[in-house]
Amino acid sequence: MPNKEKFTGCTISSPHCQCFDMLTVEEQELIDSKSVNVVFNAGETLCKQGSLSSHIMYIKKGLVKVFIENNQSTLVLKMVTDGNLLGLSSLKEGSNVFPYSAMAYIETHVKQIDINIFKQIINKNTAFAKGIIEMLVSNSETIHGRFFCLMHKQSYGRLADILLCMSNRIFKSNEFNIPISRKDLAELTGMNSETVIRILKKFQEDGLISIEGKTFQILDFERLVKISEAG
């Protein structure tokens, strides 16, 4: 399997926010006392762009699409998996709204943490604050990778990049079930559904992947990597 840090097209590389490991027992108890656990069904909105942000969201289990939108179009910034956080941009002083929307691709379990308590612990626990900074950096790297992919890669390179990212970073296997529709996959790659379906068929014909329903298997990593790199 290729280098796991190489493909930044869909999600951050960290599989778990290790910052919570840096909390004292008292701090963990404080967070727990000021948190609410919520389950979102597939298609439900976790937060809306421009809405007030009163909490930080810890994704305990699930898969989430983070995006910005206007009346005409939607741009997917990243996918968020288990063990990651949403709403960190709201920690900035003077910023009290979500700069993006988030929607559950599948049933998603979220721990909503009071943002004032979160800030309080950041100010007191430097190790915890360092972990948050590292996650913010990873988020920036992911979005930079997304923009590079969308702006500089052609359709074949974009789709190859997303498939490799899903294999390496989300499902961590060369065979995986994609819990999203072809329309969602098209949205991730900045293409229309017809183009995605056509390229997937071409990848199958060339022996790069196999598809059975929503089960994908990458058969030739090296060639798919070359397509991703060539763009």
C-alpha atoms as a PDB file:
ATOM      1  CA  MET A   1       0.000   0.000   0.000  1.00  0.00           C
ATOM      2  CA  PRO A   2       1.361   3.502  -0.829  1.00  0.00           C
ATOM      3  CA  ASN A   3       2.536   6.031   1.728  1.00  0.00           C
ATOM      4  CA  LYS A   4      -0.441   6.945   3.893  1.00  0.00           C
ATOM      5  CA  GLU A   5       0.629  10.567   4.138  1.00  0.00           C
ATOM      6  CA  LYS A   6       0.716  11.087   0.394  1.00  0.00           C
ATOM      7  CA  PHE A   7      -2.918  11.534  -0.523  1.00  0.00           C
ATOM      8  CA  THR A   8      -4.643  14.520   1.080  1.00  0.00           C
ATOM      9  CA  GLY A   9      -7.696  14.684  -1.150  1.00  0.00           C
ATOM     10  CA  CYS A  10     -10.450  13.858   1.332  1.00  0.00           C
ATOM     11  CA  THR A  11      -9.612  13.824   5.042  1.00  0.00           C
ATOM     12  CA  ILE A  12      -6.888  14.525   7.588  1.00  0.00           C
ATOM     13  CA  SER A  13      -4.318  11.836   8.293  1.00  0.00           C
ATOM     14  CA  SER A  14      -4.714  11.736  12.078  1.00  0.00           C
ATOM     15  CA  PRO A  15      -7.030   8.833  12.981  1.00  0.00           C
ATOM     16  CA  HIS A  16      -7.696  10.172  16.465  1.00  0.00           C
ATOM     17  CA  CYS A  17      -7.549  13.480  18.322  1.00  0.00           C
ATOM     18  CA  GLN A  18      -4.862  12.610  20.843  1.00  0.00           C
ATOM     19  CA  CYS A  19      -5.385  15.895  22.658  1.00  0.00           C
ATOM     20  CA  PHE A  20      -7.971  14.239  24.923  1.00  0.00           C
ATOM     21  CA  ASP A  21      -5.272  11.877  26.170  1.00  0.00           C
ATOM     22  CA  MET A  22      -3.585  14.956  27.677  1.00  0.00           C
ATOM     23  CA  LEU A  23      -6.490  15.845  29.969  1.00  0.00           C
ATOM     24  CA  THR A  24      -6.393  15.355  33.705  1.00  0.00           C
ATOM     25  CA  VAL A  25      -9.139  13.295  35.322  1.00  0.00           C
ATOM     26  CA  GLU A  26     -10.754  16.509  36.589  1.00  0.00           C
ATOM     27  CA  GLU A  27     -10.644  18.122  33.146  1.00  0.00           C
ATOM     28  CA  GLN A  28     -12.159  15.054  31.496  1.00  0.00           C
ATOM     29  CA  GLU A  29     -14.933  15.020  34.079  1.00  0.00           C
ATOM     30  CA  LEU A  30     -15.562  18.718  33.464  1.00  0.00           C
ATOM     31  CA  ILE A  31     -15.851  18.164  29.712  1.00  0.00           C
ATOM     32  CA  ASP A  32     -18.174  15.204  30.242  1.00  0.00           C
ATOM     33  CA  SER A  33     -20.405  17.257  32.538  1.00  0.00           C
ATOM     34  CA  LYS A  34     -20.679  20.005  29.919  1.00  0.00           C
ATOM     35  CA  SER A  35     -21.273  17.759  26.915  1.00  0.00           C
ATOM     36  CA  VAL A  36     -24.268  16.279  25.146  1.00  0.00           C
ATOM     37  CA  ASN A  37     -24.191  13.110  23.032  1.00  0.00           C
ATOM     38  CA  VAL A  38     -26.238  13.323  19.832  1.00  0.00           C
ATOM     39  CA  VAL A  39     -26.868  10.797  17.062  1.00  0.00           C
ATOM     40  CA  PHE A  40     -27.363  12.173  13.538  1.00  0.00           C
ATOM     41  CA  ASN A  41     -28.931  10.028  10.843  1.00  0.00           C
ATOM     42  CA  ALA A  42     -27.558   9.901   7.292  1.00  0.00           C
ATOM     43  CA  GLY A  43     -28.371  13.158   5.526  1.00  0.00           C
ATOM     44  CA  GLU A  44     -28.923  15.178   8.709  1.00  0.00           C
ATOM     45  CA  THR A  45     -27.145  18.489   9.269  1.00  0.00           C
ATOM     46  CA  LEU A  46     -24.667  18.727  12.147  1.00  0.00           C
ATOM     47  CA  CYS A  47     -24.130  22.464  11.733  1.00  0.00           C
ATOM     48  CA  LYS A  48     -25.144  25.153   9.271  1.00  0.00           C
ATOM     49  CA  GLN A  49     -22.836  27.695   7.694  1.00  0.00           C
ATOM     50  CA  GLY A  50     -23.385  31.050   9.395  1.00  0.00           C
ATOM     51  CA  SER A  51     -25.191  29.616  12.439  1.00  0.00           C
ATOM     52  CA  LEU A  52     -24.058  30.375  16.001  1.00  0.00           C
ATOM     53  CA  SER A  53     -21.454  27.956  17.357  1.00  0.00           C
ATOM     54  CA  SER A  54     -21.944  27.204  21.034  1.00  0.00           C
ATOM     55  CA  HIS A  55     -20.039  23.908  21.046  1.00  0.00           C
ATOM     56  CA  ILE A  56     -17.157  21.899  19.622  1.00  0.00           C
ATOM     57  CA  MET A  57     -18.172  18.606  18.023  1.00  0.00           C
ATOM     58  CA  TYR A  58     -16.182  15.432  18.638  1.00  0.00           C
ATOM     59  CA  ILE A  59     -17.004  12.738  16.062  1.00  0.00           C
ATOM     60  CA  LYS A  60     -17.191   9.539  18.102  1.00  0.00           C
ATOM     61  CA  LYS A  61     -18.354   7.389  15.200  1.00  0.00           C
ATOM     62  CA  GLY A  62     -19.455   8.079  11.643  1.00  0.00           C
ATOM     63  CA  LEU A  63     -18.533   9.945   8.483  1.00  0.00           C
ATOM     64  CA  VAL A  64     -19.250  13.627   7.863  1.00  0.00           C
ATOM     65  CA  LYS A  65     -19.097  15.946   4.858  1.00  0.00           C
ATOM     66  CA  VAL A  66     -17.812  19.471   5.573  1.00  0.00           C
ATOM     67  CA  PHE A  67     -18.678  22.023   2.905  1.00  0.00           C
ATOM     68  CA  ILE A  68     -19.340  25.651   2.042  1.00  0.00           C
ATOM     69  CA  GLU A  69     -22.168  26.702  -0.213  1.00  0.00           C
ATOM     70  CA  ASN A  70     -24.014  29.554  -1.840  1.00  0.00           C
ATOM     71  CA  ASN A  71     -27.213  29.656  -3.845  1.00  0.00           C
ATOM     72  CA  GLN A  72     -25.546  28.160  -6.912  1.00  0.00           C
ATOM     73  CA  SER A  73     -22.924  25.663  -5.813  1.00  0.00           C
ATOM     74  CA  THR A  74     -21.341  23.555  -3.078  1.00  0.00           C
ATOM     75  CA  LEU A  75     -17.637  23.015  -2.390  1.00  0.00           C
ATOM     76  CA  VAL A  76     -16.685  20.025  -0.228  1.00  0.00           C
ATOM     77  CA  LEU A  77     -13.731  20.971   1.980  1.00  0.00           C
ATOM     78  CA  LYS A  78     -13.102  17.564   3.541  1.00  0.00           C
ATOM     79  CA  MET A  79     -14.583  14.438   5.048  1.00  0.00           C
ATOM     80  CA  VAL A  80     -14.390  13.951   8.806  1.00  0.00           C
ATOM     81  CA  THR A  81     -14.042  10.500  10.345  1.00  0.00           C
ATOM     82  CA  ASP A  82     -14.062   8.955  13.830  1.00  0.00           C
ATOM     83  CA  GLY A  83     -11.944  10.661  16.452  1.00  0.00           C
ATOM     84  CA  ASN A  84     -11.833  14.121  14.898  1.00  0.00           C
ATOM     85  CA  LEU A  85     -13.226  17.527  15.799  1.00  0.00           C
ATOM     86  CA  LEU A  86     -15.493  20.055  14.114  1.00  0.00           C
ATOM     87  CA  GLY A  87     -15.917  23.717  15.001  1.00  0.00           C
ATOM     88  CA  LEU A  88     -12.312  24.521  15.947  1.00  0.00           C
ATOM     89  CA  SER A  89     -12.392  27.695  13.830  1.00  0.00           C
ATOM     90  CA  SER A  90     -14.929  29.078  16.309  1.00  0.00           C
ATOM     91  CA  LEU A  91     -12.228  29.143  19.010  1.00  0.00           C
ATOM     92  CA  LYS A  92     -10.885  32.361  17.493  1.00  0.00           C
ATOM     93  CA  GLU A  93     -11.814  35.413  19.545  1.00  0.00           C
ATOM     94  CA  GLY A  94     -14.644  37.311  17.896  1.00  0.00           C
ATOM     95  CA  SER A  95     -15.716  34.324  15.813  1.00  0.00           C
ATOM     96  CA  ASN A  96     -18.983  32.828  17.003  1.00  0.00           C
ATOM     97  CA  VAL A  97     -20.412  31.266  13.844  1.00  0.00           C
ATOM     98  CA  PHE A  98     -19.653  28.152  11.837  1.00  0.00           C
ATOM     99  CA  PRO A  99     -17.803  29.092   8.604  1.00  0.00           C
ATOM    100  CA  TYR A 100     -19.054  25.917   6.946  1.00  0.00           C
ATOM    101  CA  SER A 101     -21.867  23.374   7.018  1.00  0.00           C
ATOM    102  CA  ALA A 102     -21.515  19.716   7.990  1.00  0.00           C
ATOM    103  CA  MET A 103     -23.748  16.787   7.054  1.00  0.00           C
ATOM    104  CA  ALA A 104     -23.675  13.128   8.097  1.00  0.00           C
ATOM    105  CA  TYR A 105     -22.968  10.685   5.262  1.00  0.00           C
ATOM    106  CA  ILE A 106     -23.934   7.798   7.543  1.00  0.00           C
ATOM    107  CA  GLU A 107     -25.305   7.470  11.090  1.00  0.00           C
ATOM    108  CA  THR A 108     -22.914   9.612  13.106  1.00  0.00           C
ATOM    109  CA  HIS A 109     -22.430   9.805  16.876  1.00  0.00           C
ATOM    110  CA  VAL A 110     -21.288  13.214  18.101  1.00  0.00           C
ATOM    111  CA  LYS A 111     -20.200  14.555  21.468  1.00  0.00           C
ATOM    112  CA  GLN A 112     -21.081  18.262  21.628  1.00  0.00           C
ATOM    113  CA  ILE A 113     -18.731  20.021  24.049  1.00  0.00           C
ATOM    114  CA  ASP A 114     -19.527  23.445  25.489  1.00  0.00           C
ATOM    115  CA  ILE A 115     -17.178  25.831  23.687  1.00  0.00           C
ATOM    116  CA  ASN A 116     -16.481  27.971  26.778  1.00  0.00           C
ATOM    117  CA  ILE A 117     -15.327  24.923  28.741  1.00  0.00           C
ATOM    118  CA  PHE A 118     -13.204  23.876  25.756  1.00  0.00           C
ATOM    119  CA  LYS A 119     -11.537  27.314  25.686  1.00  0.00           C
ATOM    120  CA  GLN A 120     -11.031  27.234  29.431  1.00  0.00           C
ATOM    121  CA  ILE A 121      -9.115  23.946  29.254  1.00  0.00           C
ATOM    122  CA  ILE A 122      -7.027  25.162  26.292  1.00  0.00           C
ATOM    123  CA  ASN A 123      -5.909  28.150  28.358  1.00  0.00           C
ATOM    124  CA  LYS A 124      -4.886  25.958  31.289  1.00  0.00           C
ATOM    125  CA  ASN A 125      -3.512  22.789  29.668  1.00  0.00           C
ATOM    126  CA  THR A 126      -0.636  23.470  27.272  1.00  0.00           C
ATOM    127  CA  ALA A 127      -0.359  19.840  26.137  1.00  0.00           C
ATOM    128  CA  PHE A 128      -4.054  19.843  25.225  1.00  0.00           C
ATOM    129  CA  ALA A 129      -3.619  23.166  23.398  1.00  0.00           C
ATOM    130  CA  LYS A 130      -0.667  21.724  21.447  1.00  0.00           C
ATOM    131  CA  GLY A 131      -2.849  18.816  20.320  1.00  0.00           C
ATOM    132  CA  ILE A 132      -5.511  21.235  19.092  1.00  0.00           C
ATOM    133  CA  ILE A 133      -2.897  23.239  17.162  1.00  0.00           C
ATOM    134  CA  GLU A 134      -1.647  20.054  15.508  1.00  0.00           C
ATOM    135  CA  MET A 135      -5.189  19.183  14.444  1.00  0.00           C
ATOM    136  CA  LEU A 136      -5.706  22.684  13.019  1.00  0.00           C
ATOM    137  CA  VAL A 137      -2.492  22.282  11.019  1.00  0.00           C
ATOM    138  CA  SER A 138      -3.668  18.904   9.699  1.00  0.00           C
ATOM    139  CA  ASN A 139      -6.965  20.471   8.676  1.00  0.00           C
ATOM    140  CA  SER A 140      -5.150  23.239   6.799  1.00  0.00           C
ATOM    141  CA  GLU A 141      -2.935  20.712   5.006  1.00  0.00           C
ATOM    142  CA  THR A 142      -5.986  18.717   3.957  1.00  0.00           C
ATOM    143  CA  ILE A 143      -7.789  21.740   2.532  1.00  0.00           C
ATOM    144  CA  HIS A 144      -4.639  22.868   0.715  1.00  0.00           C
ATOM    145  CA  GLY A 145      -4.383  19.398  -0.789  1.00  0.00           C
ATOM    146  CA  ARG A 146      -8.047  19.525  -1.792  1.00  0.00           C
ATOM    147  CA  PHE A 147      -7.634  22.865  -3.542  1.00  0.00           C
ATOM    148  CA  PHE A 148      -4.505  21.703  -5.372  1.00  0.00           C
ATOM    149  CA  CYS A 149      -6.314  18.575  -6.529  1.00  0.00           C
ATOM    150  CA  LEU A 150      -9.387  20.479  -7.716  1.00  0.00           C
ATOM    151  CA  MET A 151      -7.472  23.315  -9.374  1.00  0.00           C
ATOM    152  CA  HIS A 152      -4.540  21.501 -11.005  1.00  0.00           C
ATOM    153  CA  LYS A 153      -5.611  17.924 -11.666  1.00  0.00           C
ATOM    154  CA  GLN A 154      -7.715  16.660 -14.531  1.00  0.00           C
ATOM    155  CA  SER A 155     -10.754  14.428 -13.981  1.00  0.00           C
ATOM    156  CA  TYR A 156      -8.837  11.113 -13.949  1.00  0.00           C
ATOM    157  CA  GLY A 157      -6.300  12.435 -11.451  1.00  0.00           C
ATOM    158  CA  ARG A 158      -8.993  13.840  -9.170  1.00  0.00           C
ATOM    159  CA  LEU A 159     -10.904  10.591  -8.954  1.00  0.00           C
ATOM    160  CA  ALA A 160      -7.725   8.543  -8.500  1.00  0.00           C
ATOM    161  CA  ASP A 161      -6.672  10.852  -5.665  1.00  0.00           C
ATOM    162  CA  ILE A 162     -10.016  10.492  -3.856  1.00  0.00           C
ATOM    163  CA  LEU A 163     -10.047   6.690  -4.198  1.00  0.00           C
ATOM    164  CA  LEU A 164      -6.493   6.434  -2.854  1.00  0.00           C
ATOM    165  CA  CYS A 165      -7.294   8.814  -0.007  1.00  0.00           C
ATOM    166  CA  MET A 166     -10.339   6.763   0.962  1.00  0.00           C
ATOM    167  CA  SER A 167      -8.310   3.564   0.868  1.00  0.00           C
ATOM    168  CA  ASN A 168      -5.376   4.962   2.861  1.00  0.00           C
ATOM    169  CA  ARG A 169      -6.960   7.371   5.289  1.00  0.00           C
ATOM    170  CA  ILE A 170     -10.619   6.482   5.785  1.00  0.00           C
ATOM    171  CA  PHE A 171     -11.008   2.735   5.349  1.00  0.00           C
ATOM    172  CA  LYS A 172      -7.319   1.724   5.599  1.00  0.00           C
ATOM    173  CA  SER A 173      -7.774  -1.197   3.238  1.00  0.00           C
ATOM    174  CA  ASN A 174      -7.504  -1.904  -0.470  1.00  0.00           C
ATOM    175  CA  GLU A 175     -11.116  -3.189  -0.320  1.00  0.00           C
ATOM    176  CA  PHE A 176     -13.846  -1.057   1.192  1.00  0.00           C
ATOM    177  CA  ASN A 177     -17.552  -0.220   1.044  1.00  0.00           C
ATOM    178  CA  ILE A 178     -18.215   3.372   0.022  1.00  0.00           C
ATOM    179  CA  PRO A 179     -21.228   4.537   2.044  1.00  0.00           C
ATOM    180  CA  ILE A 180     -21.920   7.438  -0.310  1.00  0.00           C
ATOM    181  CA  SER A 181     -23.661   7.756  -3.648  1.00  0.00           C
ATOM    182  CA  ARG A 182     -22.055   8.348  -7.040  1.00  0.00           C
ATOM    183  CA  LYS A 183     -23.491  11.867  -6.796  1.00  0.00           C
ATOM    184  CA  ASP A 184     -21.605  12.402  -3.521  1.00  0.00           C
ATOM    185  CA  LEU A 185     -18.444  11.016  -5.116  1.00  0.00           C
ATOM    186  CA  ALA A 186     -18.895  13.435  -7.994  1.00  0.00           C
ATOM    187  CA  GLU A 187     -19.291  16.298  -5.536  1.00  0.00           C
ATOM    188  CA  LEU A 188     -16.039  15.332  -3.823  1.00  0.00           C
ATOM    189  CA  THR A 189     -14.156  15.389  -7.123  1.00  0.00           C
ATOM    190  CA  GLY A 190     -15.782  18.533  -8.493  1.00  0.00           C
ATOM    191  CA  MET A 191     -17.294  16.673 -11.448  1.00  0.00           C
ATOM    192  CA  ASN A 192     -20.743  15.566 -12.525  1.00  0.00           C
ATOM    193  CA  SER A 193     -22.097  12.076 -11.853  1.00  0.00           C
ATOM    194  CA  GLU A 194     -21.920  11.015 -15.493  1.00  0.00           C
ATOM    195  CA  THR A 195     -18.201  11.800 -15.684  1.00  0.00           C
ATOM    196  CA  VAL A 196     -17.478   9.898 -12.459  1.00  0.00           C
ATOM    197  CA  ILE A 197     -19.403   6.839 -13.677  1.00  0.00           C
ATOM    198  CA  ARG A 198     -17.554   6.935 -17.009  1.00  0.00           C
ATOM    199  CA  ILE A 199     -14.123   7.162 -15.361  1.00  0.00           C
ATOM    200  CA  LEU A 200     -14.936   4.418 -12.850  1.00  0.00           C
ATOM    201  CA  LYS A 201     -15.899   2.186 -15.770  1.00  0.00           C
ATOM    202  CA  LYS A 202     -12.610   3.035 -17.498  1.00  0.00           C
ATOM    203  CA  PHE A 203     -10.644   2.254 -14.322  1.00  0.00           C
ATOM    204  CA  GLN A 204     -12.379  -1.133 -14.172  1.00  0.00           C
ATOM    205  CA  GLU A 205     -11.696  -1.887 -17.822  1.00  0.00           C
ATOM    206  CA  ASP A 206      -8.017  -1.042 -17.299  1.00  0.00           C
ATOM    207  CA  GLY A 207      -7.778  -3.384 -14.304  1.00  0.00           C
ATOM    208  CA  LEU A 208      -7.133  -0.613 -11.766  1.00  0.00           C
ATOM    209  CA  ILE A 209     -10.169  -1.287  -9.590  1.00  0.00           C
ATOM    210  CA  SER A 210     -13.117  -3.641  -9.262  1.00  0.00           C
ATOM    211  CA  ILE A 211     -16.611  -2.605  -8.159  1.00  0.00           C
ATOM    212  CA  GLU A 212     -19.446  -4.746  -6.845  1.00  0.00           C
ATOM    213  CA  GLY A 213     -22.297  -2.485  -5.823  1.00  0.00           C
ATOM    214  CA  LYS A 214     -20.731  -0.159  -3.226  1.00  0.00           C
ATOM    215  CA  THR A 215     -17.730  -2.424  -2.624  1.00  0.00           C
ATOM    216  CA  PHE A 216     -14.565  -1.062  -4.190  1.00  0.00           C
ATOM    217  CA  GLN A 217     -11.253  -2.883  -4.453  1.00  0.00           C
ATOM    218  CA  ILE A 218      -8.067  -1.264  -5.675  1.00  0.00           C
ATOM    219  CA  LEU A 219      -6.249  -3.830  -7.811  1.00  0.00           C
ATOM    220  CA  ASP A 220      -3.283  -1.805  -9.069  1.00  0.00           C
ATOM    221  CA  PHE A 221      -2.071   0.786  -6.581  1.00  0.00           C
ATOM    222  CA  GLU A 222       1.044   1.730  -8.532  1.00  0.00           C
ATOM    223  CA  ARG A 223      -0.823   2.650 -11.695  1.00  0.00           C
ATOM    224  CA  LEU A 224      -3.518   4.500  -9.765  1.00  0.00           C
ATOM    225  CA  VAL A 225      -0.796   6.446  -7.942  1.00  0.00           C
ATOM    226  CA  LYS A 226       0.768   7.417 -11.267  1.00  0.00           C
ATOM    227  CA  ILE A 227      -2.592   8.698 -12.519  1.00  0.00           C
ATOM    228  CA  SER A 228      -3.054  10.687  -9.298  1.00  0.00           C
ATOM    229  CA  GLU A 229       0.440  12.188  -9.515  1.00  0.00           C
ATOM    230  CA  ALA A 230       0.181  12.979 -13.231  1.00  0.00           C
ATOM    231  CA  GLY A 231      -3.164  14.658 -12.650  1.00  0.00           C
END
